[in-house]
PDB file of N, CA and C in Angstrom:
ATOM      1  N   MET A   1      12.692 -13.135 -21.226  1.00  0.00           N
ATOM      2  CA  MET A   1      11.421 -12.934 -20.559  1.00  0.00           C
ATOM      3  C   MET A   1      10.371 -13.800 -21.242  1.00  0.00           C
ATOM      4  N   ASN A   2       9.483 -14.415 -20.427  1.00  0.00           N
ATOM      5  CA  ASN A   2       8.408 -15.242 -20.973  1.00  0.00           C
ATOM      6  C   ASN A   2       7.391 -14.371 -21.687  1.00  0.00           C
ATOM      7  N   GLU A   3       6.674 -15.000 -22.612  1.00  0.00           N
ATOM      8  CA  GLU A   3       5.635 -14.265 -23.319  1.00  0.00           C
ATOM      9  C   GLU A   3       4.529 -13.894 -22.341  1.00  0.00           C
ATOM     10  N   PHE A   4       4.023 -12.696 -22.463  1.00  0.00           N
ATOM     11  CA  PHE A   4       3.026 -12.176 -21.536  1.00  0.00           C
ATOM     12  C   PHE A   4       1.877 -11.565 -22.325  1.00  0.00           C
ATOM     13  N   THR A   5       0.659 -11.922 -21.934  1.00  0.00           N
ATOM     14  CA  THR A   5      -0.527 -11.329 -22.540  1.00  0.00           C
ATOM     15  C   THR A   5      -1.199 -10.455 -21.490  1.00  0.00           C
ATOM     16  N   PRO A   6      -1.280  -9.142 -21.711  1.00  0.00           N
ATOM     17  CA  PRO A   6      -1.925  -8.265 -20.734  1.00  0.00           C
ATOM     18  C   PRO A   6      -3.396  -8.616 -20.539  1.00  0.00           C
ATOM     19  N   ALA A   7      -3.869  -8.439 -19.312  1.00  0.00           N
ATOM     20  CA  ALA A   7      -5.289  -8.637 -19.009  1.00  0.00           C
ATOM     21  C   ALA A   7      -6.103  -7.557 -19.707  1.00  0.00           C
ATOM     22  N   PRO A   8      -7.383  -7.807 -19.933  1.00  0.00           N
ATOM     23  CA  PRO A   8      -8.237  -6.772 -20.528  1.00  0.00           C
ATOM     24  C   PRO A   8      -8.281  -5.534 -19.624  1.00  0.00           C
ATOM     25  N   VAL A   9      -8.481  -4.378 -20.238  1.00  0.00           N
ATOM     26  CA  VAL A   9      -8.605  -3.133 -19.485  1.00  0.00           C
ATOM     27  C   VAL A   9      -9.879  -3.199 -18.655  1.00  0.00           C
ATOM     28  N   LYS A  10      -9.788  -2.771 -17.408  1.00  0.00           N
ATOM     29  CA  LYS A  10     -10.947  -2.766 -16.512  1.00  0.00           C
ATOM     30  C   LYS A  10     -11.956  -1.717 -16.968  1.00  0.00           C
ATOM     31  N   PRO A  11     -13.215  -1.802 -16.439  1.00  0.00           N
ATOM     32  CA  PRO A  11     -14.234  -0.806 -16.805  1.00  0.00           C
ATOM     33  C   PRO A  11     -13.790   0.611 -16.439  1.00  0.00           C
ATOM     34  N   LEU A  12     -14.287   1.583 -17.173  1.00  0.00           N
ATOM     35  CA  LEU A  12     -13.964   2.984 -16.936  1.00  0.00           C
ATOM     36  C   LEU A  12     -14.428   3.427 -15.552  1.00  0.00           C
ATOM     37  N   VAL A  13     -13.647   4.329 -14.936  1.00  0.00           N
ATOM     38  CA  VAL A  13     -14.026   4.948 -13.669  1.00  0.00           C
ATOM     39  C   VAL A  13     -13.945   6.462 -13.846  1.00  0.00           C
ATOM     40  N   THR A  14     -14.573   7.169 -12.959  1.00  0.00           N
ATOM     41  CA  THR A  14     -14.508   8.628 -13.018  1.00  0.00           C
ATOM     42  C   THR A  14     -13.187   9.104 -12.424  1.00  0.00           C
ATOM     43  N   ILE A  15     -12.810  10.324 -12.757  1.00  0.00           N
ATOM     44  CA  ILE A  15     -11.606  10.912 -12.172  1.00  0.00           C
ATOM     45  C   ILE A  15     -11.777  11.030 -10.656  1.00  0.00           C
ATOM     46  N   GLU A  16     -13.009  11.224 -10.194  1.00  0.00           N
ATOM     47  CA  GLU A  16     -13.269  11.310  -8.751  1.00  0.00           C
ATOM     48  C   GLU A  16     -12.966   9.984  -8.055  1.00  0.00           C
ATOM     49  N   ALA A  17     -13.267   8.877  -8.705  1.00  0.00           N
ATOM     50  CA  ALA A  17     -12.966   7.567  -8.121  1.00  0.00           C
ATOM     51  C   ALA A  17     -11.461   7.391  -7.983  1.00  0.00           C
ATOM     52  N   LEU A  18     -10.719   7.804  -9.005  1.00  0.00           N
ATOM     53  CA  LEU A  18      -9.263   7.711  -8.937  1.00  0.00           C
ATOM     54  C   LEU A  18      -8.705   8.620  -7.850  1.00  0.00           C
ATOM     55  N   GLU A  19      -9.219   9.849  -7.795  1.00  0.00           N
ATOM     56  CA  GLU A  19      -8.733  10.810  -6.807  1.00  0.00           C
ATOM     57  C   GLU A  19      -9.087  10.416  -5.378  1.00  0.00           C
ATOM     58  N   ALA A  20     -10.025   9.488  -5.200  1.00  0.00           N
ATOM     59  CA  ALA A  20     -10.389   9.021  -3.862  1.00  0.00           C
ATOM     60  C   ALA A  20      -9.277   8.179  -3.243  1.00  0.00           C
ATOM     61  N   LEU A  21      -8.423   7.565  -4.067  1.00  0.00           N
ATOM     62  CA  LEU A  21      -7.306   6.780  -3.550  1.00  0.00           C
ATOM     63  C   LEU A  21      -6.195   7.707  -3.099  1.00  0.00           C
ATOM     64  N   ASP A  22      -5.642   7.442  -1.919  1.00  0.00           N
ATOM     65  CA  ASP A  22      -4.520   8.224  -1.397  1.00  0.00           C
ATOM     66  C   ASP A  22      -3.261   7.375  -1.545  1.00  0.00           C
ATOM     67  N   ILE A  23      -2.541   7.594  -2.636  1.00  0.00           N
ATOM     68  CA  ILE A  23      -1.319   6.841  -2.933  1.00  0.00           C
ATOM     69  C   ILE A  23      -0.139   7.762  -2.676  1.00  0.00           C
ATOM     70  N   ARG A  24       0.753   7.324  -1.788  1.00  0.00           N
ATOM     71  CA  ARG A  24       1.882   8.168  -1.392  1.00  0.00           C
ATOM     72  C   ARG A  24       3.192   7.396  -1.393  1.00  0.00           C
ATOM     73  N   VAL A  25       4.266   8.175  -1.471  1.00  0.00           N
ATOM     74  CA  VAL A  25       5.616   7.619  -1.376  1.00  0.00           C
ATOM     75  C   VAL A  25       5.990   7.490   0.097  1.00  0.00           C
ATOM     76  N   GLY A  26       6.599   6.377   0.430  1.00  0.00           N
ATOM     77  CA  GLY A  26       7.134   6.177   1.776  1.00  0.00           C
ATOM     78  C   GLY A  26       8.444   5.428   1.698  1.00  0.00           C
ATOM     79  N   THR A  27       9.277   5.614   2.706  1.00  0.00           N
ATOM     80  CA  THR A  27      10.534   4.875   2.791  1.00  0.00           C
ATOM     81  C   THR A  27      10.352   3.702   3.742  1.00  0.00           C
ATOM     82  N   ILE A  28      10.688   2.521   3.267  1.00  0.00           N
ATOM     83  CA  ILE A  28      10.597   1.309   4.089  1.00  0.00           C
ATOM     84  C   ILE A  28      11.794   1.317   5.037  1.00  0.00           C
ATOM     85  N   GLU A  29      11.507   1.497   6.315  1.00  0.00           N
ATOM     86  CA  GLU A  29      12.585   1.584   7.304  1.00  0.00           C
ATOM     87  C   GLU A  29      12.951   0.225   7.889  1.00  0.00           C
ATOM     88  N   ARG A  30      11.950  -0.660   8.031  1.00  0.00           N
ATOM     89  CA  ARG A  30      12.227  -1.958   8.636  1.00  0.00           C
ATOM     90  C   ARG A  30      11.326  -3.007   8.004  1.00  0.00           C
ATOM     91  N   VAL A  31      11.866  -4.201   7.816  1.00  0.00           N
ATOM     92  CA  VAL A  31      11.118  -5.336   7.279  1.00  0.00           C
ATOM     93  C   VAL A  31      11.302  -6.494   8.258  1.00  0.00           C
ATOM     94  N   GLU A  32      10.180  -7.006   8.775  1.00  0.00           N
ATOM     95  CA  GLU A  32      10.225  -8.075   9.769  1.00  0.00           C
ATOM     96  C   GLU A  32       9.265  -9.190   9.384  1.00  0.00           C
ATOM     97  N   GLU A  33       9.591 -10.414   9.813  1.00  0.00           N
ATOM     98  CA  GLU A  33       8.694 -11.535   9.593  1.00  0.00           C
ATOM     99  C   GLU A  33       7.468 -11.406  10.482  1.00  0.00           C
ATOM    100  N   VAL A  34       6.346 -11.923  10.008  1.00  0.00           N
ATOM    101  CA  VAL A  34       5.127 -12.026  10.795  1.00  0.00           C
ATOM    102  C   VAL A  34       5.068 -13.474  11.264  1.00  0.00           C
ATOM    103  N   ALA A  35       5.133 -13.677  12.565  1.00  0.00           N
ATOM    104  CA  ALA A  35       5.275 -15.019  13.136  1.00  0.00           C
ATOM    105  C   ALA A  35       4.185 -15.995  12.700  1.00  0.00           C
ATOM    106  N   ARG A  36       2.965 -15.532  12.565  1.00  0.00           N
ATOM    107  CA  ARG A  36       1.844 -16.434  12.266  1.00  0.00           C
ATOM    108  C   ARG A  36       1.532 -16.527  10.778  1.00  0.00           C
ATOM    109  N   SER A  37       2.494 -16.165   9.922  1.00  0.00           N
ATOM    110  CA  SER A  37       2.243 -16.204   8.482  1.00  0.00           C
ATOM    111  C   SER A  37       3.480 -16.692   7.734  1.00  0.00           C
ATOM    112  N   GLU A  38       3.233 -17.468   6.684  1.00  0.00           N
ATOM    113  CA  GLU A  38       4.332 -17.927   5.832  1.00  0.00           C
ATOM    114  C   GLU A  38       4.588 -16.979   4.669  1.00  0.00           C
ATOM    115  N   LYS A  39       3.666 -16.021   4.411  1.00  0.00           N
ATOM    116  CA  LYS A  39       3.862 -15.133   3.265  1.00  0.00           C
ATOM    117  C   LYS A  39       3.970 -13.657   3.629  1.00  0.00           C
ATOM    118  N   LEU A  40       3.439 -13.250   4.794  1.00  0.00           N
ATOM    119  CA  LEU A  40       3.437 -11.831   5.147  1.00  0.00           C
ATOM    120  C   LEU A  40       4.749 -11.356   5.757  1.00  0.00           C
ATOM    121  N   MET A  41       5.092 -10.120   5.427  1.00  0.00           N
ATOM    122  CA  MET A  41       6.190  -9.411   6.079  1.00  0.00           C
ATOM    123  C   MET A  41       5.602  -8.109   6.613  1.00  0.00           C
ATOM    124  N   LYS A  42       6.113  -7.667   7.756  1.00  0.00           N
ATOM    125  CA  LYS A  42       5.662  -6.423   8.368  1.00  0.00           C
ATOM    126  C   LYS A  42       6.644  -5.320   8.004  1.00  0.00           C
ATOM    127  N   LEU A  43       6.133  -4.298   7.296  1.00  0.00           N
ATOM    128  CA  LEU A  43       6.951  -3.168   6.881  1.00  0.00           C
ATOM    129  C   LEU A  43       6.655  -1.984   7.797  1.00  0.00           C
ATOM    130  N   THR A  44       7.692  -1.349   8.290  1.00  0.00           N
ATOM    131  CA  THR A  44       7.550  -0.082   8.998  1.00  0.00           C
ATOM    132  C   THR A  44       7.933   0.977   7.985  1.00  0.00           C
ATOM    133  N   VAL A  45       6.976   1.855   7.644  1.00  0.00           N
ATOM    134  CA  VAL A  45       7.147   2.791   6.534  1.00  0.00           C
ATOM    135  C   VAL A  45       7.037   4.231   7.036  1.00  0.00           C
ATOM    136  N   ASN A  46       7.998   5.064   6.645  1.00  0.00           N
ATOM    137  CA  ASN A  46       8.042   6.467   7.009  1.00  0.00           C
ATOM    138  C   ASN A  46       7.351   7.275   5.912  1.00  0.00           C
ATOM    139  N   PHE A  47       6.314   8.030   6.309  1.00  0.00           N
ATOM    140  CA  PHE A  47       5.595   8.888   5.371  1.00  0.00           C
ATOM    141  C   PHE A  47       5.844  10.371   5.646  1.00  0.00           C
ATOM    142  N   GLY A  48       6.946  10.690   6.295  1.00  0.00           N
ATOM    143  CA  GLY A  48       7.318  12.076   6.531  1.00  0.00           C
ATOM    144  C   GLY A  48       6.777  12.617   7.829  1.00  0.00           C
ATOM    145  N   ASP A  49       5.450  12.663   7.953  1.00  0.00           N
ATOM    146  CA  ASP A  49       4.855  13.184   9.178  1.00  0.00           C
ATOM    147  C   ASP A  49       4.408  12.069  10.126  1.00  0.00           C
ATOM    148  N   HIS A  50       4.519  10.812   9.702  1.00  0.00           N
ATOM    149  CA  HIS A  50       4.174   9.674  10.547  1.00  0.00           C
ATOM    150  C   HIS A  50       4.720   8.385   9.940  1.00  0.00           C
ATOM    151  N   THR A  51       4.736   7.338  10.742  1.00  0.00           N
ATOM    152  CA  THR A  51       5.092   6.009  10.242  1.00  0.00           C
ATOM    153  C   THR A  51       3.874   5.107  10.386  1.00  0.00           C
ATOM    154  N   ARG A  52       3.839   4.089   9.556  1.00  0.00           N
ATOM    155  CA  ARG A  52       2.755   3.108   9.592  1.00  0.00           C
ATOM    156  C   ARG A  52       3.328   1.708   9.479  1.00  0.00           C
ATOM    157  N   THR A  53       2.543   0.764   9.987  1.00  0.00           N
ATOM    158  CA  THR A  53       2.818  -0.650   9.794  1.00  0.00           C
ATOM    159  C   THR A  53       1.968  -1.115   8.623  1.00  0.00           C
ATOM    160  N   ILE A  54       2.629  -1.676   7.624  1.00  0.00           N
ATOM    161  CA  ILE A  54       1.918  -2.188   6.450  1.00  0.00           C
ATOM    162  C   ILE A  54       2.369  -3.622   6.224  1.00  0.00           C
ATOM    163  N   LEU A  55       1.408  -4.525   6.168  1.00  0.00           N
ATOM    164  CA  LEU A  55       1.707  -5.929   5.910  1.00  0.00           C
ATOM    165  C   LEU A  55       1.662  -6.183   4.413  1.00  0.00           C
ATOM    166  N   ALA A  56       2.628  -6.928   3.937  1.00  0.00           N
ATOM    167  CA  ALA A  56       2.714  -7.228   2.502  1.00  0.00           C
ATOM    168  C   ALA A  56       3.068  -8.702   2.323  1.00  0.00           C
ATOM    169  N   GLY A  57       2.427  -9.343   1.360  1.00  0.00           N
ATOM    170  CA  GLY A  57       2.661 -10.764   1.097  1.00  0.00           C
ATOM    171  C   GLY A  57       3.884 -10.983   0.230  1.00  0.00           C
ATOM    172  N   ILE A  58       5.042 -10.570   0.720  1.00  0.00           N
ATOM    173  CA  ILE A  58       6.279 -10.609  -0.079  1.00  0.00           C
ATOM    174  C   ILE A  58       7.297 -11.620   0.423  1.00  0.00           C
ATOM    175  N   ARG A  59       6.974 -12.365   1.450  1.00  0.00           N
ATOM    176  CA  ARG A  59       7.960 -13.257   2.089  1.00  0.00           C
ATOM    177  C   ARG A  59       8.511 -14.303   1.130  1.00  0.00           C
ATOM    178  N   LYS A  60       7.650 -14.860   0.286  1.00  0.00           N
ATOM    179  CA  LYS A  60       8.090 -15.922  -0.632  1.00  0.00           C
ATOM    180  C   LYS A  60       8.499 -15.381  -2.002  1.00  0.00           C
ATOM    181  N   GLU A  61       8.254 -14.085  -2.234  1.00  0.00           N
ATOM    182  CA  GLU A  61       8.545 -13.497  -3.538  1.00  0.00           C
ATOM    183  C   GLU A  61      10.009 -13.104  -3.700  1.00  0.00           C
ATOM    184  N   ARG A  62      10.714 -13.002  -2.611  1.00  0.00           N
ATOM    185  CA  ARG A  62      12.100 -12.516  -2.638  1.00  0.00           C
ATOM    186  C   ARG A  62      12.980 -13.405  -1.795  1.00  0.00           C
ATOM    187  N   ASP A  63      14.214 -13.591  -2.237  1.00  0.00           N
ATOM    188  CA  ASP A  63      15.168 -14.363  -1.444  1.00  0.00           C
ATOM    189  C   ASP A  63      15.445 -13.667  -0.116  1.00  0.00           C
ATOM    190  N   ASN A  64      15.521 -12.329  -0.133  1.00  0.00           N
ATOM    191  CA  ASN A  64      15.806 -11.563   1.069  1.00  0.00           C
ATOM    192  C   ASN A  64      14.895 -10.334   1.114  1.00  0.00           C
ATOM    193  N   PRO A  65      13.698 -10.469   1.705  1.00  0.00           N
ATOM    194  CA  PRO A  65      12.796  -9.320   1.748  1.00  0.00           C
ATOM    195  C   PRO A  65      13.395  -8.100   2.451  1.00  0.00           C
ATOM    196  N   ARG A  66      14.362  -8.309   3.322  1.00  0.00           N
ATOM    197  CA  ARG A  66      14.967  -7.180   4.040  1.00  0.00           C
ATOM    198  C   ARG A  66      15.775  -6.267   3.116  1.00  0.00           C
ATOM    199  N   GLU A  67      16.022  -6.711   1.877  1.00  0.00           N
ATOM    200  CA  GLU A  67      16.719  -5.854   0.918  1.00  0.00           C
ATOM    201  C   GLU A  67      15.897  -4.613   0.581  1.00  0.00           C
ATOM    202  N   LEU A  68      14.616  -4.620   0.948  1.00  0.00           N
ATOM    203  CA  LEU A  68      13.751  -3.473   0.673  1.00  0.00           C
ATOM    204  C   LEU A  68      13.949  -2.335   1.678  1.00  0.00           C
ATOM    205  N   GLU A  69      14.628  -2.613   2.788  1.00  0.00           N
ATOM    206  CA  GLU A  69      14.868  -1.566   3.772  1.00  0.00           C
ATOM    207  C   GLU A  69      15.644  -0.420   3.124  1.00  0.00           C
ATOM    208  N   THR A  70      15.241   0.791   3.425  1.00  0.00           N
ATOM    209  CA  THR A  70      15.777   2.066   2.908  1.00  0.00           C
ATOM    210  C   THR A  70      15.247   2.414   1.515  1.00  0.00           C
ATOM    211  N   ARG A  71      14.434   1.565   0.898  1.00  0.00           N
ATOM    212  CA  ARG A  71      13.895   1.842  -0.439  1.00  0.00           C
ATOM    213  C   ARG A  71      12.599   2.636  -0.332  1.00  0.00           C
ATOM    214  N   GLN A  72      12.396   3.526  -1.285  1.00  0.00           N
ATOM    215  CA  GLN A  72      11.113   4.207  -1.389  1.00  0.00           C
ATOM    216  C   GLN A  72      10.202   3.389  -2.290  1.00  0.00           C
ATOM    217  N   ALA A  73       8.902   3.446  -2.006  1.00  0.00           N
ATOM    218  CA  ALA A  73       7.906   2.752  -2.820  1.00  0.00           C
ATOM    219  C   ALA A  73       6.584   3.488  -2.686  1.00  0.00           C
ATOM    220  N   LEU A  74       5.594   3.060  -3.474  1.00  0.00           N
ATOM    221  CA  LEU A  74       4.258   3.633  -3.407  1.00  0.00           C
ATOM    222  C   LEU A  74       3.358   2.756  -2.535  1.00  0.00           C
ATOM    223  N   PHE A  75       2.490   3.420  -1.770  1.00  0.00           N
ATOM    224  CA  PHE A  75       1.577   2.743  -0.858  1.00  0.00           C
ATOM    225  C   PHE A  75       0.198   3.386  -0.953  1.00  0.00           C
ATOM    226  N   VAL A  76      -0.855   2.572  -0.821  1.00  0.00           N
ATOM    227  CA  VAL A  76      -2.216   3.081  -0.712  1.00  0.00           C
ATOM    228  C   VAL A  76      -2.478   3.261   0.786  1.00  0.00           C
ATOM    229  N   LEU A  77      -2.794   4.507   1.196  1.00  0.00           N
ATOM    230  CA  LEU A  77      -2.925   4.795   2.622  1.00  0.00           C
ATOM    231  C   LEU A  77      -4.352   4.829   3.140  1.00  0.00           C
ATOM    232  N   ASN A  78      -5.328   5.069   2.300  1.00  0.00           N
ATOM    233  CA  ASN A  78      -6.672   5.260   2.840  1.00  0.00           C
ATOM    234  C   ASN A  78      -7.564   4.021   2.714  1.00  0.00           C
ATOM    235  N   LEU A  79      -6.981   2.863   2.928  1.00  0.00           N
ATOM    236  CA  LEU A  79      -7.772   1.638   3.065  1.00  0.00           C
ATOM    237  C   LEU A  79      -8.091   1.453   4.546  1.00  0.00           C
ATOM    238  N   GLU A  80      -9.214   0.821   4.840  1.00  0.00           N
ATOM    239  CA  GLU A  80      -9.525   0.528   6.233  1.00  0.00           C
ATOM    240  C   GLU A  80      -8.447  -0.392   6.797  1.00  0.00           C
ATOM    241  N   PRO A  81      -8.017  -0.165   8.061  1.00  0.00           N
ATOM    242  CA  PRO A  81      -7.042  -1.077   8.666  1.00  0.00           C
ATOM    243  C   PRO A  81      -7.581  -2.502   8.607  1.00  0.00           C
ATOM    244  N   ARG A  82      -6.668  -3.438   8.404  1.00  0.00           N
ATOM    245  CA  ARG A  82      -7.066  -4.838   8.228  1.00  0.00           C
ATOM    246  C   ARG A  82      -6.201  -5.731   9.100  1.00  0.00           C
ATOM    247  N   LYS A  83      -6.843  -6.613   9.836  1.00  0.00           N
ATOM    248  CA  LYS A  83      -6.118  -7.553  10.693  1.00  0.00           C
ATOM    249  C   LYS A  83      -5.778  -8.798   9.893  1.00  0.00           C
ATOM    250  N   MET A  84      -4.496  -9.140   9.895  1.00  0.00           N
ATOM    251  CA  MET A  84      -4.024 -10.339   9.195  1.00  0.00           C
ATOM    252  C   MET A  84      -2.995 -11.022  10.081  1.00  0.00           C
ATOM    253  N   ALA A  85      -3.146 -12.309  10.298  1.00  0.00           N
ATOM    254  CA  ALA A  85      -2.196 -13.102  11.078  1.00  0.00           C
ATOM    255  C   ALA A  85      -1.892 -12.447  12.425  1.00  0.00           C
ATOM    256  N   GLY A  86      -2.925 -11.864  13.040  1.00  0.00           N
ATOM    257  CA  GLY A  86      -2.764 -11.264  14.354  1.00  0.00           C
ATOM    258  C   GLY A  86      -2.154  -9.873  14.368  1.00  0.00           C
ATOM    259  N   GLU A  87      -1.857  -9.305  13.200  1.00  0.00           N
ATOM    260  CA  GLU A  87      -1.259  -7.965  13.095  1.00  0.00           C
ATOM    261  C   GLU A  87      -2.224  -7.065  12.337  1.00  0.00           C
ATOM    262  N   ILE A  88      -2.106  -5.759  12.545  1.00  0.00           N
ATOM    263  CA  ILE A  88      -2.946  -4.777  11.841  1.00  0.00           C
ATOM    264  C   ILE A  88      -2.126  -4.120  10.735  1.00  0.00           C
ATOM    265  N   SER A  89      -2.683  -4.107   9.520  1.00  0.00           N
ATOM    266  CA  SER A  89      -2.057  -3.420   8.396  1.00  0.00           C
ATOM    267  C   SER A  89      -2.780  -2.096   8.181  1.00  0.00           C
ATOM    268  N   GLU A  90      -1.996  -1.012   8.059  1.00  0.00           N
ATOM    269  CA  GLU A  90      -2.546   0.334   7.919  1.00  0.00           C
ATOM    270  C   GLU A  90      -2.374   0.880   6.504  1.00  0.00           C
ATOM    271  N   GLY A  91      -2.464   0.015   5.511  1.00  0.00           N
ATOM    272  CA  GLY A  91      -2.322   0.434   4.129  1.00  0.00           C
ATOM    273  C   GLY A  91      -1.934  -0.758   3.269  1.00  0.00           C
ATOM    274  N   MET A  92      -1.540  -0.467   2.036  1.00  0.00           N
ATOM    275  CA  MET A  92      -1.168  -1.537   1.108  1.00  0.00           C
ATOM    276  C   MET A  92       0.029  -1.108   0.264  1.00  0.00           C
ATOM    277  N   LEU A  93       0.994  -2.010   0.142  1.00  0.00           N
ATOM    278  CA  LEU A  93       2.114  -1.813  -0.768  1.00  0.00           C
ATOM    279  C   LEU A  93       1.566  -1.859  -2.188  1.00  0.00           C
ATOM    280  N   PHE A  94       1.906  -0.879  -2.988  1.00  0.00           N
ATOM    281  CA  PHE A  94       1.439  -0.791  -4.373  1.00  0.00           C
ATOM    282  C   PHE A  94       2.533  -1.407  -5.237  1.00  0.00           C
ATOM    283  N   ASP A  95       2.312  -2.637  -5.693  1.00  0.00           N
ATOM    284  CA  ASP A  95       3.332  -3.268  -6.526  1.00  0.00           C
ATOM    285  C   ASP A  95       2.785  -3.606  -7.897  1.00  0.00           C
ATOM    286  N   ILE A  96       3.656  -4.076  -8.750  1.00  0.00           N
ATOM    287  CA  ILE A  96       3.326  -4.326 -10.154  1.00  0.00           C
ATOM    288  C   ILE A  96       3.548  -5.803 -10.449  1.00  0.00           C
ATOM    289  N   GLY A  97       2.558  -6.452 -11.073  1.00  0.00           N
ATOM    290  CA  GLY A  97       2.748  -7.804 -11.564  1.00  0.00           C
ATOM    291  C   GLY A  97       2.002  -8.889 -10.817  1.00  0.00           C
ATOM    292  N   TYR A  98       1.778  -8.729  -9.515  1.00  0.00           N
ATOM    293  CA  TYR A  98       1.177  -9.799  -8.720  1.00  0.00           C
ATOM    294  C   TYR A  98      -0.151 -10.278  -9.310  1.00  0.00           C
ATOM    295  N   ALA A  99      -1.033  -9.348  -9.650  1.00  0.00           N
ATOM    296  CA  ALA A  99      -2.360  -9.710 -10.169  1.00  0.00           C
ATOM    297  C   ALA A  99      -2.282 -10.494 -11.483  1.00  0.00           C
ATOM    298  N   ASP A 100      -1.159 -10.392 -12.179  1.00  0.00           N
ATOM    299  CA  ASP A 100      -0.987 -11.079 -13.462  1.00  0.00           C
ATOM    300  C   ASP A 100      -0.133 -12.334 -13.357  1.00  0.00           C
ATOM    301  N   GLY A 101       0.226 -12.716 -12.138  1.00  0.00           N
ATOM    302  CA  GLY A 101       1.050 -13.901 -11.973  1.00  0.00           C
ATOM    303  C   GLY A 101       2.501 -13.686 -12.356  1.00  0.00           C
ATOM    304  N   VAL A 102       2.906 -12.434 -12.434  1.00  0.00           N
ATOM    305  CA  VAL A 102       4.290 -12.077 -12.752  1.00  0.00           C
ATOM    306  C   VAL A 102       5.001 -11.813 -11.426  1.00  0.00           C
ATOM    307  N   ALA A 103       6.282 -12.154 -11.334  1.00  0.00           N
ATOM    308  CA  ALA A 103       7.030 -11.859 -10.110  1.00  0.00           C
ATOM    309  C   ALA A 103       6.894 -10.368  -9.806  1.00  0.00           C
ATOM    310  N   PRO A 104       6.312 -10.024  -8.662  1.00  0.00           N
ATOM    311  CA  PRO A 104       6.030  -8.622  -8.362  1.00  0.00           C
ATOM    312  C   PRO A 104       7.281  -7.751  -8.270  1.00  0.00           C
ATOM    313  N   ALA A 105       7.108  -6.507  -8.687  1.00  0.00           N
ATOM    314  CA  ALA A 105       8.151  -5.485  -8.591  1.00  0.00           C
ATOM    315  C   ALA A 105       7.535  -4.279  -7.894  1.00  0.00           C
ATOM    316  N   LEU A 106       8.331  -3.578  -7.129  1.00  0.00           N
ATOM    317  CA  LEU A 106       7.837  -2.380  -6.459  1.00  0.00           C
ATOM    318  C   LEU A 106       7.559  -1.273  -7.461  1.00  0.00           C
ATOM    319  N   ALA A 107       6.535  -0.477  -7.181  1.00  0.00           N
ATOM    320  CA  ALA A 107       6.281   0.747  -7.934  1.00  0.00           C
ATOM    321  C   ALA A 107       7.110   1.831  -7.243  1.00  0.00           C
ATOM    322  N   LEU A 108       8.130   2.337  -7.934  1.00  0.00           N
ATOM    323  CA  LEU A 108       9.116   3.246  -7.333  1.00  0.00           C
ATOM    324  C   LEU A 108       9.130   4.598  -8.020  1.00  0.00           C
ATOM    325  N   PRO A 109       9.418   5.661  -7.247  1.00  0.00           N
ATOM    326  CA  PRO A 109       9.679   6.940  -7.912  1.00  0.00           C
ATOM    327  C   PRO A 109      11.008   6.847  -8.656  1.00  0.00           C
ATOM    328  N   GLU A 110      11.145   7.582  -9.747  1.00  0.00           N
ATOM    329  CA  GLU A 110      12.378   7.508 -10.548  1.00  0.00           C
ATOM    330  C   GLU A 110      13.573   8.152  -9.864  1.00  0.00           C
ATOM    331  N   ARG A 111      13.319   9.030  -8.894  1.00  0.00           N
ATOM    332  CA  ARG A 111      14.384   9.647  -8.108  1.00  0.00           C
ATOM    333  C   ARG A 111      13.839   9.857  -6.708  1.00  0.00           C
ATOM    334  N   PRO A 112      14.687  10.074  -5.714  1.00  0.00           N
ATOM    335  CA  PRO A 112      14.179  10.311  -4.360  1.00  0.00           C
ATOM    336  C   PRO A 112      13.233  11.513  -4.321  1.00  0.00           C
ATOM    337  N   VAL A 113      12.123  11.337  -3.620  1.00  0.00           N
ATOM    338  CA  VAL A 113      11.153  12.406  -3.407  1.00  0.00           C
ATOM    339  C   VAL A 113      10.826  12.434  -1.926  1.00  0.00           C
ATOM    340  N   PRO A 114      10.255  13.517  -1.421  1.00  0.00           N
ATOM    341  CA  PRO A 114       9.927  13.583  -0.005  1.00  0.00           C
ATOM    342  C   PRO A 114       8.928  12.488   0.396  1.00  0.00           C
ATOM    343  N   ASN A 115       9.163  11.853   1.531  1.00  0.00           N
ATOM    344  CA  ASN A 115       8.197  10.891   2.068  1.00  0.00           C
ATOM    345  C   ASN A 115       6.873  11.586   2.261  1.00  0.00           C
ATOM    346  N   GLY A 116       5.803  10.944   1.856  1.00  0.00           N
ATOM    347  CA  GLY A 116       4.467  11.503   1.977  1.00  0.00           C
ATOM    348  C   GLY A 116       3.975  12.174   0.708  1.00  0.00           C
ATOM    349  N   ALA A 117       4.869  12.338  -0.283  1.00  0.00           N
ATOM    350  CA  ALA A 117       4.444  12.950  -1.553  1.00  0.00           C
ATOM    351  C   ALA A 117       3.375  12.062  -2.193  1.00  0.00           C
ATOM    352  N   ARG A 118       2.332  12.705  -2.728  1.00  0.00           N
ATOM    353  CA  ARG A 118       1.203  11.976  -3.292  1.00  0.00           C
ATOM    354  C   ARG A 118       1.416  11.646  -4.765  1.00  0.00           C
ATOM    355  N   ALA A 119       0.883  10.511  -5.175  1.00  0.00           N
ATOM    356  CA  ALA A 119       0.868  10.142  -6.589  1.00  0.00           C
ATOM    357  C   ALA A 119      -0.380  10.749  -7.212  1.00  0.00           C
ATOM    358  N   GLY A 120      -0.288  11.069  -8.490  1.00  0.00           N
ATOM    359  CA  GLY A 120      -1.464  11.560  -9.192  1.00  0.00           C
ATOM    360  C   GLY A 120      -1.369  13.020  -9.571  1.00  0.00           C
TER     361      GLY A 120
END
């Protein structure tokens, strides 16, 4: 592994600010290319009581993004829907490493948990 220097810790936030984020476990049921983008993939994610479309910039990060199908991961659900490359994203994949220029890895539960279970 290459030498890595962690970024400085961000400014302090209140527990209320943290609790405002709705981070939940979902199972990625389908991974599809987004026609008008070279980096986005469209994920269909099951959250137990509903499914959502979440766009993630993972197309170039993995040899086969479809390997994520059937995997559980963490997602931020209470972001405003965002239009990207003609598609609407209803949340954000919560991954590790991208902001630091490290090959991103999914944030995963250590064992299967019910879809829709909240982090925190």
